[in-house]
Amino acid sequence: MQPTVVRVARLTDPAGPADGTRVLVERLWPRGTARTAVVLDGWYRLLAPSDDLRTWYGHDPERFAEFAERYRAELREPDRAAALEKLRSLAAAGPLTLLTASGSPSISQAAVLAGVLTEG
């Protein structure tokens, strides 16, 4: 069995052959980004963090660990857990790239999701 390959990238990064399936994991479409300007296979709005959590976090690197913990708890909610299982199926089928509008993808919800999807 091949290991699950999950990448994290900015929505505006050019698509590459190693990307596999490219899905956006933001609640809202990013301002200033034309939908026709990106390569996208799906949009999982339900997997975005709640507005309250996103606002509290504010992409502050010092809050990332707590953000990740709170976000993982949100992912256990029934609707989100069902969407996460669909994403897990995509990841099992081949490479998956989680797209974010964040200027710092390594401390975004996409990075947390990638960790959840690749954990044993």
Protein backbone atom coordinates (compact mmCIF):
# COMPACT_ATOMS: atom_id res chain seq x y z
CA MET A 1 0.00 0.00 0.00
CA GLN A 2 1.37 3.41 -0.98
CA PRO A 3 1.65 6.14 1.63
CA THR A 4 -0.90 8.93 1.48
CA VAL A 5 0.54 11.99 -0.26
CA VAL A 6 -1.02 15.27 0.86
CA ARG A 7 0.51 18.60 -0.12
CA VAL A 8 -0.38 22.11 0.99
CA ALA A 9 -0.20 25.04 -1.42
CA ARG A 10 -1.56 28.52 -1.96
CA LEU A 11 -4.59 28.71 -4.21
CA THR A 12 -2.68 30.94 -6.60
CA ASP A 13 0.31 28.58 -6.92
CA PRO A 14 0.55 27.09 -10.40
CA ALA A 15 -0.72 23.53 -10.72
CA GLY A 16 1.97 20.90 -11.19
CA PRO A 17 2.02 17.27 -12.26
CA ALA A 18 2.63 16.07 -8.68
CA ASP A 19 -0.46 17.89 -7.32
CA GLY A 20 -2.99 15.18 -8.06
CA THR A 21 -6.44 16.33 -6.96
CA ARG A 22 -6.49 20.02 -5.96
CA VAL A 23 -9.14 21.12 -3.43
CA LEU A 24 -9.77 24.44 -1.75
CA VAL A 25 -10.37 24.31 2.03
CA GLU A 26 -11.59 27.87 2.65
CA ARG A 27 -15.12 28.90 3.66
CA LEU A 28 -15.20 31.90 1.30
CA TRP A 29 -13.70 32.42 -2.12
CA PRO A 30 -10.55 34.56 -1.66
CA ARG A 31 -11.00 38.18 -2.65
CA GLY A 32 -9.07 39.26 -5.69
CA THR A 33 -8.70 35.76 -7.10
CA ALA A 34 -10.54 35.04 -10.33
CA ARG A 35 -12.14 31.61 -10.34
CA THR A 36 -10.95 31.11 -13.89
CA ALA A 37 -7.35 31.77 -12.87
CA VAL A 38 -6.93 28.63 -10.75
CA VAL A 39 -6.92 24.90 -11.33
CA LEU A 40 -9.34 23.39 -8.84
CA ASP A 41 -11.01 19.98 -8.59
CA GLY A 42 -13.19 20.67 -5.56
CA TRP A 43 -14.09 23.11 -2.81
CA TYR A 44 -14.64 21.81 0.73
CA ARG A 45 -16.18 24.80 2.52
CA LEU A 46 -17.36 22.67 5.43
CA LEU A 47 -13.77 21.87 6.36
CA ALA A 48 -12.83 25.49 6.95
CA PRO A 49 -12.48 26.55 10.58
CA SER A 50 -15.42 28.32 12.18
CA ASP A 51 -15.51 32.09 11.84
CA ASP A 52 -14.94 32.46 15.60
CA LEU A 53 -11.86 30.23 15.53
CA ARG A 54 -10.47 31.85 12.39
CA THR A 55 -10.94 35.34 13.85
CA TRP A 56 -9.35 34.36 17.18
CA TYR A 57 -6.36 32.79 15.42
CA GLY A 58 -5.64 35.61 12.98
CA HIS A 59 -2.71 33.57 11.56
CA ASP A 60 -0.63 34.46 14.60
CA PRO A 61 2.24 31.92 14.60
CA GLU A 62 2.28 31.93 18.42
CA ARG A 63 -1.33 30.71 18.43
CA PHE A 64 -0.89 27.97 15.82
CA ALA A 65 -0.56 25.03 18.23
CA GLU A 66 -3.74 25.98 20.09
CA PHE A 67 -5.48 26.77 16.79
CA ALA A 68 -4.59 23.30 15.51
CA GLU A 69 -5.96 21.68 18.66
CA ARG A 70 -9.24 23.64 18.52
CA TYR A 71 -9.59 23.06 14.79
CA ARG A 72 -9.10 19.30 15.19
CA ALA A 73 -11.94 19.38 17.73
CA GLU A 74 -14.16 21.16 15.20
CA LEU A 75 -13.33 18.50 12.62
CA ARG A 76 -14.97 15.90 14.89
CA GLU A 77 -18.39 17.58 14.48
CA PRO A 78 -20.66 15.24 12.45
CA ASP A 79 -20.99 17.34 9.25
CA ARG A 80 -17.30 18.14 9.19
CA ALA A 81 -16.32 14.56 9.99
CA ALA A 82 -18.35 13.36 6.99
CA ALA A 83 -16.65 15.90 4.70
CA LEU A 84 -13.28 14.87 6.13
CA GLU A 85 -14.00 11.24 5.24
CA LYS A 86 -14.68 12.27 1.63
CA LEU A 87 -11.35 14.09 1.60
CA ARG A 88 -9.67 11.04 3.13
CA SER A 89 -11.03 8.94 0.25
CA LEU A 90 -9.56 11.38 -2.28
CA ALA A 91 -6.20 11.18 -0.52
CA ALA A 92 -6.30 7.37 -0.55
CA ALA A 93 -6.92 7.41 -4.32
CA GLY A 94 -3.79 9.41 -5.15
CA PRO A 95 -1.91 12.62 -4.45
CA LEU A 96 -4.01 15.40 -2.93
CA THR A 97 -3.17 19.09 -2.73
CA LEU A 98 -5.01 21.18 -0.14
CA LEU A 99 -5.28 24.78 -1.27
CA THR A 100 -5.47 27.80 1.00
CA ALA A 101 -5.58 31.56 0.54
CA SER A 102 -3.26 31.99 3.51
CA GLY A 103 -0.01 33.83 2.96
CA SER A 104 1.59 31.27 5.29
CA PRO A 105 0.34 27.83 4.21
CA SER A 106 2.50 26.05 6.79
CA ILE A 107 0.43 27.57 9.62
CA SER A 108 -2.96 27.36 7.94
CA GLN A 109 -5.96 25.08 8.33
CA ALA A 110 -4.70 23.25 5.22
CA ALA A 111 -1.54 22.28 7.11
CA VAL A 112 -3.61 20.95 10.01
CA LEU A 113 -5.84 19.01 7.60
CA ALA A 114 -2.81 17.54 5.87
CA GLY A 115 -1.59 16.29 9.24
CA VAL A 116 -4.97 14.76 10.05
CA LEU A 117 -5.09 13.00 6.67
CA THR A 118 -1.58 11.55 6.88
CA GLU A 119 -1.71 10.36 10.49
CA GLY A 120 -1.87 6.61 10.98
